[in-house]
Structures are given as structure tokens and as C-alpha cells.
Amino acid sequence: MSSCCNAAGRHAPTLAGRVRQAGAWALPGAILILLPKCPACLAAYVAIWTGVSLSFSMAAHLRAALLFICVAALLSLIIKRLGHIRQFKKETDQCHTK
């Protein structure tokens, strides 16, 4: 990399930063994968894991809320990543024109 690109303030992410970034992508994805389609199954899983019983309607609302939160989290990560890519391309274009 040229010195102008180094002067842009970019540095390699630390191990902790990479683990945090991977976890930020993995957690909502894993929840979406493991989230049961049936609200009754979600109520049964919650009862098994925590001992708290949920009604069918409460389980349906909880499932919808979890689905919304996970999709919103993944969309925000995608938007953030696209912003980083756009910023990186702008910085490297400036380096190549000098």
C-alpha cells in the first residue's frame, strides 16, 4: 500500500475486533436458523430452557419480535458494510489518482 493510503487512518483490526465482528454477524443468523416456525414449538422450547410457560399468542408475538430484531440487525450490518466498502473505494481512488 502507498503512503497516502496509510495516511488515511486505516489500520488492521485487532483479534478482538474481528471476533466481535464475526459474532455480530453470527448471532442474528444463528437465531434465525434456530427459530422454530411454529409458535407452539417456541413456547415449548422456552418452557424447557427456562421453566417459564408462554401462551400461544405470546409465543407468536415473541417469535415475530425475534424475527424482526434479527432481520433488522442483519440489515444494519449489511448497510454498515456497504458504507465501509464505499468509503474504502473512495479512499483508494484518491490514492491511485495522485
PDB file of N, CA and C in Angstrom:
ATOM      1  N   MET A   1       0.828  -1.170   0.000  1.00  0.00           N
ATOM      2  CA  MET A   1       0.000   0.000   0.000  1.00  0.00           C
ATOM      3  C   MET A   1       0.874   1.235   0.000  1.00  0.00           C
ATOM      4  N   SER A   2       0.437   2.282  -0.673  1.00  0.00           N
ATOM      5  CA  SER A   2       1.226   3.503  -0.729  1.00  0.00           C
ATOM      6  C   SER A   2       1.077   4.296   0.562  1.00  0.00           C
ATOM      7  N   SER A   3       1.941   5.287   0.702  1.00  0.00           N
ATOM      8  CA  SER A   3       1.919   6.076   1.928  1.00  0.00           C
ATOM      9  C   SER A   3       0.657   6.912   2.054  1.00  0.00           C
ATOM     10  N   CYS A   4       0.043   7.319   0.957  1.00  0.00           N
ATOM     11  CA  CYS A   4      -1.184   8.110   1.070  1.00  0.00           C
ATOM     12  C   CYS A   4      -2.329   7.251   1.597  1.00  0.00           C
ATOM     13  N   CYS A   5      -2.343   5.970   1.254  1.00  0.00           N
ATOM     14  CA  CYS A   5      -3.385   5.098   1.784  1.00  0.00           C
ATOM     15  C   CYS A   5      -3.169   4.835   3.268  1.00  0.00           C
ATOM     16  N   ASN A   6      -1.926   4.721   3.677  1.00  0.00           N
ATOM     17  CA  ASN A   6      -1.636   4.546   5.093  1.00  0.00           C
ATOM     18  C   ASN A   6      -1.995   5.785   5.883  1.00  0.00           C
ATOM     19  N   ALA A   7      -1.878   6.947   5.269  1.00  0.00           N
ATOM     20  CA  ALA A   7      -2.189   8.199   5.945  1.00  0.00           C
ATOM     21  C   ALA A   7      -3.687   8.394   6.123  1.00  0.00           C
ATOM     22  N   ALA A   8      -4.496   7.589   5.439  1.00  0.00           N
ATOM     23  CA  ALA A   8      -5.949   7.731   5.543  1.00  0.00           C
ATOM     24  C   ALA A   8      -6.467   7.275   6.896  1.00  0.00           C
ATOM     25  N   GLY A   9      -5.630   6.711   7.734  1.00  0.00           N
ATOM     26  CA  GLY A   9      -6.047   6.315   9.075  1.00  0.00           C
ATOM     27  C   GLY A   9      -6.513   4.870   9.181  1.00  0.00           C
ATOM     28  N   ARG A  10      -6.350   4.113   8.151  1.00  0.00           N
ATOM     29  CA  ARG A  10      -6.759   2.701   8.216  1.00  0.00           C
ATOM     30  C   ARG A  10      -5.679   1.892   8.913  1.00  0.00           C
ATOM     31  N   HIS A  11      -6.113   0.960   9.738  1.00  0.00           N
ATOM     32  CA  HIS A  11      -5.194   0.032  10.369  1.00  0.00           C
ATOM     33  C   HIS A  11      -5.870  -1.328  10.452  1.00  0.00           C
ATOM     34  N   ALA A  12      -5.072  -2.345  10.593  1.00  0.00           N
ATOM     35  CA  ALA A  12      -5.603  -3.704  10.641  1.00  0.00           C
ATOM     36  C   ALA A  12      -6.411  -3.893  11.918  1.00  0.00           C
ATOM     37  N   PRO A  13      -7.568  -4.560  11.811  1.00  0.00           N
ATOM     38  CA  PRO A  13      -8.372  -4.784  13.009  1.00  0.00           C
ATOM     39  C   PRO A  13      -7.686  -5.769  13.956  1.00  0.00           C
ATOM     40  N   THR A  14      -7.916  -5.576  15.231  1.00  0.00           N
ATOM     41  CA  THR A  14      -7.339  -6.472  16.224  1.00  0.00           C
ATOM     42  C   THR A  14      -8.117  -7.784  16.241  1.00  0.00           C
ATOM     43  N   LEU A  15      -7.582  -8.762  16.946  1.00  0.00           N
ATOM     44  CA  LEU A  15      -8.255 -10.052  17.059  1.00  0.00           C
ATOM     45  C   LEU A  15      -9.606  -9.883  17.743  1.00  0.00           C
ATOM     46  N   ALA A  16      -9.654  -9.074  18.785  1.00  0.00           N
ATOM     47  CA  ALA A  16     -10.915  -8.844  19.482  1.00  0.00           C
ATOM     48  C   ALA A  16     -11.940  -8.182  18.565  1.00  0.00           C
ATOM     49  N   GLY A  17     -11.497  -7.266  17.728  1.00  0.00           N
ATOM     50  CA  GLY A  17     -12.401  -6.617  16.781  1.00  0.00           C
ATOM     51  C   GLY A  17     -12.937  -7.584  15.747  1.00  0.00           C
ATOM     52  N   ARG A  18     -12.077  -8.477  15.272  1.00  0.00           N
ATOM     53  CA  ARG A  18     -12.526  -9.470  14.295  1.00  0.00           C
ATOM     54  C   ARG A  18     -13.515 -10.458  14.909  1.00  0.00           C
ATOM     55  N   VAL A  19     -13.259 -10.869  16.165  1.00  0.00           N
ATOM     56  CA  VAL A  19     -14.173 -11.790  16.840  1.00  0.00           C
ATOM     57  C   VAL A  19     -15.517 -11.113  17.087  1.00  0.00           C
ATOM     58  N   ARG A  20     -15.480  -9.839  17.498  1.00  0.00           N
ATOM     59  CA  ARG A  20     -16.712  -9.100  17.740  1.00  0.00           C
ATOM     60  C   ARG A  20     -17.500  -8.944  16.440  1.00  0.00           C
ATOM     61  N   GLN A  21     -16.820  -8.656  15.359  1.00  0.00           N
ATOM     62  CA  GLN A  21     -17.487  -8.506  14.060  1.00  0.00           C
ATOM     63  C   GLN A  21     -18.100  -9.829  13.602  1.00  0.00           C
ATOM     64  N   ALA A  22     -17.372 -10.920  13.777  1.00  0.00           N
ATOM     65  CA  ALA A  22     -17.909 -12.232  13.406  1.00  0.00           C
ATOM     66  C   ALA A  22     -19.121 -12.584  14.259  1.00  0.00           C
ATOM     67  N   GLY A  23     -19.055 -12.269  15.546  1.00  0.00           N
ATOM     68  CA  GLY A  23     -20.190 -12.526  16.430  1.00  0.00           C
ATOM     69  C   GLY A  23     -21.395 -11.681  16.084  1.00  0.00           C
ATOM     70  N   ALA A  24     -21.146 -10.457  15.637  1.00  0.00           N
ATOM     71  CA  ALA A  24     -22.249  -9.579  15.247  1.00  0.00           C
ATOM     72  C   ALA A  24     -23.006 -10.149  14.057  1.00  0.00           C
ATOM     73  N   TRP A  25     -22.312 -10.833  13.164  1.00  0.00           N
ATOM     74  CA  TRP A  25     -22.978 -11.474  12.030  1.00  0.00           C
ATOM     75  C   TRP A  25     -23.557 -12.832  12.421  1.00  0.00           C
ATOM     76  N   ALA A  26     -22.866 -13.578  13.275  1.00  0.00           N
ATOM     77  CA  ALA A  26     -23.258 -14.951  13.575  1.00  0.00           C
ATOM     78  C   ALA A  26     -24.476 -15.034  14.496  1.00  0.00           C
ATOM     79  N   LEU A  27     -24.584 -14.149  15.475  1.00  0.00           N
ATOM     80  CA  LEU A  27     -25.666 -14.258  16.454  1.00  0.00           C
ATOM     81  C   LEU A  27     -27.054 -14.106  15.818  1.00  0.00           C
ATOM     82  N   PRO A  28     -27.330 -13.030  15.065  1.00  0.00           N
ATOM     83  CA  PRO A  28     -28.666 -12.961  14.463  1.00  0.00           C
ATOM     84  C   PRO A  28     -28.916 -14.077  13.451  1.00  0.00           C
ATOM     85  N   GLY A  29     -27.880 -14.471  12.719  1.00  0.00           N
ATOM     86  CA  GLY A  29     -28.040 -15.567  11.772  1.00  0.00           C
ATOM     87  C   GLY A  29     -28.366 -16.878  12.458  1.00  0.00           C
ATOM     88  N   ALA A  30     -27.684 -17.157  13.561  1.00  0.00           N
ATOM     89  CA  ALA A  30     -27.948 -18.396  14.297  1.00  0.00           C
ATOM     90  C   ALA A  30     -29.351 -18.390  14.901  1.00  0.00           C
ATOM     91  N   ILE A  31     -29.778 -17.240  15.408  1.00  0.00           N
ATOM     92  CA  ILE A  31     -31.132 -17.159  15.963  1.00  0.00           C
ATOM     93  C   ILE A  31     -32.158 -17.405  14.870  1.00  0.00           C
ATOM     94  N   LEU A  32     -31.941 -16.820  13.686  1.00  0.00           N
ATOM     95  CA  LEU A  32     -32.881 -17.048  12.588  1.00  0.00           C
ATOM     96  C   LEU A  32     -32.908 -18.510  12.154  1.00  0.00           C
ATOM     97  N   ILE A  33     -31.752 -19.143  12.171  1.00  0.00           N
ATOM     98  CA  ILE A  33     -31.700 -20.555  11.777  1.00  0.00           C
ATOM     99  C   ILE A  33     -32.396 -21.435  12.813  1.00  0.00           C
ATOM    100  N   LEU A  34     -32.187 -21.147  14.093  1.00  0.00           N
ATOM    101  CA  LEU A  34     -32.724 -21.988  15.158  1.00  0.00           C
ATOM    102  C   LEU A  34     -34.146 -21.623  15.573  1.00  0.00           C
ATOM    103  N   LEU A  35     -34.662 -20.501  15.101  1.00  0.00           N
ATOM    104  CA  LEU A  35     -36.004 -20.064  15.473  1.00  0.00           C
ATOM    105  C   LEU A  35     -37.040 -20.996  14.861  1.00  0.00           C
ATOM    106  N   PRO A  36     -37.861 -21.641  15.701  1.00  0.00           N
ATOM    107  CA  PRO A  36     -38.856 -22.563  15.141  1.00  0.00           C
ATOM    108  C   PRO A  36     -39.958 -21.815  14.389  1.00  0.00           C
ATOM    109  N   LYS A  37     -40.527 -22.468  13.393  1.00  0.00           N
ATOM    110  CA  LYS A  37     -41.586 -21.857  12.596  1.00  0.00           C
ATOM    111  C   LYS A  37     -42.909 -21.840  13.345  1.00  0.00           C
ATOM    112  N   CYS A  38     -43.097 -22.768  14.227  1.00  0.00           N
ATOM    113  CA  CYS A  38     -44.358 -22.919  14.942  1.00  0.00           C
ATOM    114  C   CYS A  38     -44.277 -22.219  16.307  1.00  0.00           C
ATOM    115  N   PRO A  39     -45.209 -21.318  16.621  1.00  0.00           N
ATOM    116  CA  PRO A  39     -45.182 -20.656  17.927  1.00  0.00           C
ATOM    117  C   PRO A  39     -45.329 -21.631  19.107  1.00  0.00           C
ATOM    118  N   ALA A  40     -46.038 -22.734  18.893  1.00  0.00           N
ATOM    119  CA  ALA A  40     -46.173 -23.726  19.962  1.00  0.00           C
ATOM    120  C   ALA A  40     -44.824 -24.373  20.274  1.00  0.00           C
ATOM    121  N   CYS A  41     -44.036 -24.597  19.245  1.00  0.00           N
ATOM    122  CA  CYS A  41     -42.697 -25.157  19.456  1.00  0.00           C
ATOM    123  C   CYS A  41     -41.818 -24.163  20.196  1.00  0.00           C
ATOM    124  N   LEU A  42     -41.930 -22.874  19.857  1.00  0.00           N
ATOM    125  CA  LEU A  42     -41.170 -21.847  20.563  1.00  0.00           C
ATOM    126  C   LEU A  42     -41.571 -21.816  22.035  1.00  0.00           C
ATOM    127  N   ALA A  43     -42.866 -21.916  22.317  1.00  0.00           N
ATOM    128  CA  ALA A  43     -43.333 -21.932  23.706  1.00  0.00           C
ATOM    129  C   ALA A  43     -42.786 -23.150  24.448  1.00  0.00           C
ATOM    130  N   ALA A  44     -42.727 -24.282  23.765  1.00  0.00           N
ATOM    131  CA  ALA A  44     -42.190 -25.493  24.390  1.00  0.00           C
ATOM    132  C   ALA A  44     -40.693 -25.348  24.655  1.00  0.00           C
ATOM    133  N   TYR A  45     -39.948 -24.779  23.707  1.00  0.00           N
ATOM    134  CA  TYR A  45     -38.511 -24.576  23.917  1.00  0.00           C
ATOM    135  C   TYR A  45     -38.245 -23.621  25.074  1.00  0.00           C
ATOM    136  N   VAL A  46     -39.012 -22.543  25.137  1.00  0.00           N
ATOM    137  CA  VAL A  46     -38.837 -21.590  26.239  1.00  0.00           C
ATOM    138  C   VAL A  46     -39.150 -22.265  27.566  1.00  0.00           C
ATOM    139  N   ALA A  47     -40.187 -23.091  27.607  1.00  0.00           N
ATOM    140  CA  ALA A  47     -40.542 -23.798  28.835  1.00  0.00           C
ATOM    141  C   ALA A  47     -39.454 -24.790  29.240  1.00  0.00           C
ATOM    142  N   ILE A  48     -38.868 -25.469  28.273  1.00  0.00           N
ATOM    143  CA  ILE A  48     -37.810 -26.438  28.583  1.00  0.00           C
ATOM    144  C   ILE A  48     -36.554 -25.718  29.073  1.00  0.00           C
ATOM    145  N   TRP A  49     -36.147 -24.642  28.387  1.00  0.00           N
ATOM    146  CA  TRP A  49     -34.897 -23.957  28.716  1.00  0.00           C
ATOM    147  C   TRP A  49     -34.989 -23.119  29.984  1.00  0.00           C
ATOM    148  N   THR A  50     -36.145 -22.485  30.217  1.00  0.00           N
ATOM    149  CA  THR A  50     -36.228 -21.551  31.341  1.00  0.00           C
ATOM    150  C   THR A  50     -37.209 -21.968  32.421  1.00  0.00           C
ATOM    151  N   GLY A  51     -38.144 -22.846  32.125  1.00  0.00           N
ATOM    152  CA  GLY A  51     -39.177 -23.213  33.083  1.00  0.00           C
ATOM    153  C   GLY A  51     -40.348 -22.240  33.083  1.00  0.00           C
ATOM    154  N   VAL A  52     -40.327 -21.261  32.188  1.00  0.00           N
ATOM    155  CA  VAL A  52     -41.400 -20.280  32.078  1.00  0.00           C
ATOM    156  C   VAL A  52     -42.339 -20.723  30.969  1.00  0.00           C
ATOM    157  N   SER A  53     -43.640 -20.765  31.284  1.00  0.00           N
ATOM    158  CA  SER A  53     -44.594 -21.168  30.250  1.00  0.00           C
ATOM    159  C   SER A  53     -45.137 -19.927  29.548  1.00  0.00           C
ATOM    160  N   LEU A  54     -45.347 -20.053  28.237  1.00  0.00           N
ATOM    161  CA  LEU A  54     -45.872 -18.968  27.422  1.00  0.00           C
ATOM    162  C   LEU A  54     -47.179 -19.413  26.778  1.00  0.00           C
ATOM    163  N   SER A  55     -48.092 -18.477  26.629  1.00  0.00           N
ATOM    164  CA  SER A  55     -49.305 -18.785  25.890  1.00  0.00           C
ATOM    165  C   SER A  55     -48.970 -18.817  24.397  1.00  0.00           C
ATOM    166  N   PHE A  56     -49.892 -19.368  23.624  1.00  0.00           N
ATOM    167  CA  PHE A  56     -49.669 -19.468  22.184  1.00  0.00           C
ATOM    168  C   PHE A  56     -49.532 -18.076  21.563  1.00  0.00           C
ATOM    169  N   SER A  57     -50.403 -17.147  21.976  1.00  0.00           N
ATOM    170  CA  SER A  57     -50.346 -15.800  21.392  1.00  0.00           C
ATOM    171  C   SER A  57     -49.070 -15.070  21.810  1.00  0.00           C
ATOM    172  N   MET A  58     -48.645 -15.263  23.042  1.00  0.00           N
ATOM    173  CA  MET A  58     -47.394 -14.634  23.500  1.00  0.00           C
ATOM    174  C   MET A  58     -46.198 -15.213  22.743  1.00  0.00           C
ATOM    175  N   ALA A  59     -46.213 -16.509  22.505  1.00  0.00           N
ATOM    176  CA  ALA A  59     -45.135 -17.145  21.741  1.00  0.00           C
ATOM    177  C   ALA A  59     -45.118 -16.632  20.304  1.00  0.00           C
ATOM    178  N   ALA A  60     -46.296 -16.405  19.725  1.00  0.00           N
ATOM    179  CA  ALA A  60     -46.365 -15.880  18.364  1.00  0.00           C
ATOM    180  C   ALA A  60     -45.796 -14.460  18.308  1.00  0.00           C
ATOM    181  N   HIS A  61     -46.127 -13.638  19.303  1.00  0.00           N
ATOM    182  CA  HIS A  61     -45.586 -12.280  19.357  1.00  0.00           C
ATOM    183  C   HIS A  61     -44.077 -12.289  19.595  1.00  0.00           C
ATOM    184  N   LEU A  62     -43.604 -13.173  20.463  1.00  0.00           N
ATOM    185  CA  LEU A  62     -42.172 -13.282  20.735  1.00  0.00           C
ATOM    186  C   LEU A  62     -41.425 -13.718  19.484  1.00  0.00           C
ATOM    187  N   ARG A  63     -41.994 -14.670  18.758  1.00  0.00           N
ATOM    188  CA  ARG A  63     -41.367 -15.138  17.519  1.00  0.00           C
ATOM    189  C   ARG A  63     -41.289 -14.014  16.492  1.00  0.00           C
ATOM    190  N   ALA A  64     -42.364 -13.260  16.343  1.00  0.00           N
ATOM    191  CA  ALA A  64     -42.374 -12.149  15.388  1.00  0.00           C
ATOM    192  C   ALA A  64     -41.358 -11.075  15.796  1.00  0.00           C
ATOM    193  N   ALA A  65     -41.274 -10.794  17.096  1.00  0.00           N
ATOM    194  CA  ALA A  65     -40.317  -9.793  17.574  1.00  0.00           C
ATOM    195  C   ALA A  65     -38.879 -10.257  17.342  1.00  0.00           C
ATOM    196  N   LEU A  66     -38.585 -11.515  17.636  1.00  0.00           N
ATOM    197  CA  LEU A  66     -37.239 -12.046  17.395  1.00  0.00           C
ATOM    198  C   LEU A  66     -36.892 -12.013  15.912  1.00  0.00           C
ATOM    199  N   LEU A  67     -37.844 -12.362  15.089  1.00  0.00           N
ATOM    200  CA  LEU A  67     -37.633 -12.338  13.643  1.00  0.00           C
ATOM    201  C   LEU A  67     -37.335 -10.917  13.166  1.00  0.00           C
ATOM    202  N   PHE A  68     -38.121  -9.953  13.626  1.00  0.00           N
ATOM    203  CA  PHE A  68     -37.915  -8.562  13.239  1.00  0.00           C
ATOM    204  C   PHE A  68     -36.562  -8.039  13.710  1.00  0.00           C
ATOM    205  N   ILE A  69     -36.200  -8.327  14.960  1.00  0.00           N
ATOM    206  CA  ILE A  69     -34.934  -7.836  15.522  1.00  0.00           C
ATOM    207  C   ILE A  69     -33.745  -8.435  14.773  1.00  0.00           C
ATOM    208  N   CYS A  70     -33.789  -9.727  14.478  1.00  0.00           N
ATOM    209  CA  CYS A  70     -32.672 -10.374  13.783  1.00  0.00           C
ATOM    210  C   CYS A  70     -32.526  -9.864  12.351  1.00  0.00           C
ATOM    211  N   VAL A  71     -33.638  -9.710  11.651  1.00  0.00           N
ATOM    212  CA  VAL A  71     -33.567  -9.202  10.286  1.00  0.00           C
ATOM    213  C   VAL A  71     -33.079  -7.757  10.292  1.00  0.00           C
ATOM    214  N   ALA A  72     -33.558  -6.947  11.245  1.00  0.00           N
ATOM    215  CA  ALA A  72     -33.102  -5.558  11.342  1.00  0.00           C
ATOM    216  C   ALA A  72     -31.611  -5.494  11.653  1.00  0.00           C
ATOM    217  N   ALA A  73     -31.136  -6.369  12.527  1.00  0.00           N
ATOM    218  CA  ALA A  73     -29.710  -6.388  12.868  1.00  0.00           C
ATOM    219  C   ALA A  73     -28.868  -6.768  11.652  1.00  0.00           C
ATOM    220  N   LEU A  74     -29.303  -7.767  10.907  1.00  0.00           N
ATOM    221  CA  LEU A  74     -28.555  -8.164   9.712  1.00  0.00           C
ATOM    222  C   LEU A  74     -28.593  -7.076   8.642  1.00  0.00           C
ATOM    223  N   LEU A  75     -29.725  -6.420   8.474  1.00  0.00           N
ATOM    224  CA  LEU A  75     -29.799  -5.334   7.502  1.00  0.00           C
ATOM    225  C   LEU A  75     -28.902  -4.169   7.890  1.00  0.00           C
ATOM    226  N   SER A  76     -28.852  -3.857   9.176  1.00  0.00           N
ATOM    227  CA  SER A  76     -27.972  -2.766   9.611  1.00  0.00           C
ATOM    228  C   SER A  76     -26.500  -3.135   9.402  1.00  0.00           C
ATOM    229  N   LEU A  77     -26.145  -4.386   9.613  1.00  0.00           N
ATOM    230  CA  LEU A  77     -24.767  -4.816   9.353  1.00  0.00           C
ATOM    231  C   LEU A  77     -24.440  -4.745   7.860  1.00  0.00           C
ATOM    232  N   ILE A  78     -25.399  -5.096   7.017  1.00  0.00           N
ATOM    233  CA  ILE A  78     -25.182  -5.012   5.570  1.00  0.00           C
ATOM    234  C   ILE A  78     -24.999  -3.563   5.142  1.00  0.00           C
ATOM    235  N   ILE A  79     -25.841  -2.678   5.652  1.00  0.00           N
ATOM    236  CA  ILE A  79     -25.730  -1.259   5.305  1.00  0.00           C
ATOM    237  C   ILE A  79     -24.403  -0.690   5.788  1.00  0.00           C
ATOM    238  N   LYS A  80     -23.998  -1.081   6.994  1.00  0.00           N
ATOM    239  CA  LYS A  80     -22.718  -0.611   7.535  1.00  0.00           C
ATOM    240  C   LYS A  80     -21.557  -1.114   6.671  1.00  0.00           C
ATOM    241  N   ARG A  81     -21.609  -2.375   6.273  1.00  0.00           N
ATOM    242  CA  ARG A  81     -20.555  -2.952   5.442  1.00  0.00           C
ATOM    243  C   ARG A  81     -20.486  -2.262   4.078  1.00  0.00           C
ATOM    244  N   LEU A  82     -21.648  -1.980   3.485  1.00  0.00           N
ATOM    245  CA  LEU A  82     -21.665  -1.285   2.202  1.00  0.00           C
ATOM    246  C   LEU A  82     -21.088   0.122   2.329  1.00  0.00           C
ATOM    247  N   GLY A  83     -21.345   0.776   3.454  1.00  0.00           N
ATOM    248  CA  GLY A  83     -20.758   2.094   3.690  1.00  0.00           C
ATOM    249  C   GLY A  83     -19.254   2.028   3.801  1.00  0.00           C
ATOM    250  N   HIS A  84     -18.743   0.996   4.475  1.00  0.00           N
ATOM    251  CA  HIS A  84     -17.288   0.821   4.592  1.00  0.00           C
ATOM    252  C   HIS A  84     -16.664   0.556   3.223  1.00  0.00           C
ATOM    253  N   ILE A  85     -17.336  -0.262   2.414  1.00  0.00           N
ATOM    254  CA  ILE A  85     -16.814  -0.571   1.087  1.00  0.00           C
ATOM    255  C   ILE A  85     -16.786   0.692   0.236  1.00  0.00           C
ATOM    256  N   ARG A  86     -17.865   1.481   0.292  1.00  0.00           N
ATOM    257  CA  ARG A  86     -17.927   2.713  -0.485  1.00  0.00           C
ATOM    258  C   ARG A  86     -16.841   3.691  -0.046  1.00  0.00           C
ATOM    259  N   GLN A  87     -16.629   3.802   1.272  1.00  0.00           N
ATOM    260  CA  GLN A  87     -15.597   4.703   1.790  1.00  0.00           C
ATOM    261  C   GLN A  87     -14.207   4.218   1.389  1.00  0.00           C
ATOM    262  N   PHE A  88     -13.965   2.926   1.451  1.00  0.00           N
ATOM    263  CA  PHE A  88     -12.674   2.370   1.076  1.00  0.00           C
ATOM    264  C   PHE A  88     -12.386   2.605  -0.398  1.00  0.00           C
ATOM    265  N   LYS A  89     -13.409   2.417  -1.244  1.00  0.00           N
ATOM    266  CA  LYS A  89     -13.213   2.652  -2.682  1.00  0.00           C
ATOM    267  C   LYS A  89     -12.894   4.118  -2.945  1.00  0.00           C
ATOM    268  N   LYS A  90     -13.549   5.028  -2.227  1.00  0.00           N
ATOM    269  CA  LYS A  90     -13.284   6.450  -2.416  1.00  0.00           C
ATOM    270  C   LYS A  90     -11.858   6.792  -1.986  1.00  0.00           C
ATOM    271  N   GLU A  91     -11.405   6.216  -0.856  1.00  0.00           N
ATOM    272  CA  GLU A  91     -10.044   6.480  -0.377  1.00  0.00           C
ATOM    273  C   GLU A  91      -8.992   5.900  -1.317  1.00  0.00           C
ATOM    274  N   THR A  92      -9.228   4.707  -1.833  1.00  0.00           N
ATOM    275  CA  THR A  92      -8.229   4.107  -2.725  1.00  0.00           C
ATOM    276  C   THR A  92      -8.246   4.775  -4.083  1.00  0.00           C
ATOM    277  N   ASP A  93      -9.391   5.277  -4.530  1.00  0.00           N
ATOM    278  CA  ASP A  93      -9.417   6.024  -5.789  1.00  0.00           C
ATOM    279  C   ASP A  93      -8.575   7.297  -5.669  1.00  0.00           C
ATOM    280  N   GLN A  94      -8.622   7.941  -4.520  1.00  0.00           N
ATOM    281  CA  GLN A  94      -7.799   9.129  -4.307  1.00  0.00           C
ATOM    282  C   GLN A  94      -6.320   8.787  -4.319  1.00  0.00           C
ATOM    283  N   CYS A  95      -5.973   7.638  -3.800  1.00  0.00           N
ATOM    284  CA  CYS A  95      -4.560   7.218  -3.779  1.00  0.00           C
ATOM    285  C   CYS A  95      -4.045   6.932  -5.191  1.00  0.00           C
ATOM    286  N   HIS A  96      -4.899   6.336  -6.017  1.00  0.00           N
ATOM    287  CA  HIS A  96      -4.468   5.969  -7.368  1.00  0.00           C
ATOM    288  C   HIS A  96      -4.391   7.160  -8.316  1.00  0.00           C
ATOM    289  N   THR A  97      -5.100   8.246  -8.000  1.00  0.00           N
ATOM    290  CA  THR A  97      -5.068   9.393  -8.883  1.00  0.00           C
ATOM    291  C   THR A  97      -3.876  10.309  -8.618  1.00  0.00           C
ATOM    292  N   LYS A  98      -3.225  10.163  -7.478  1.00  0.00           N
ATOM    293  CA  LYS A  98      -2.092  11.021  -7.134  1.00  0.00           C
ATOM    294  C   LYS A  98      -0.814  10.536  -7.766  1.00  0.00           C
TER     295      LYS A  98
END
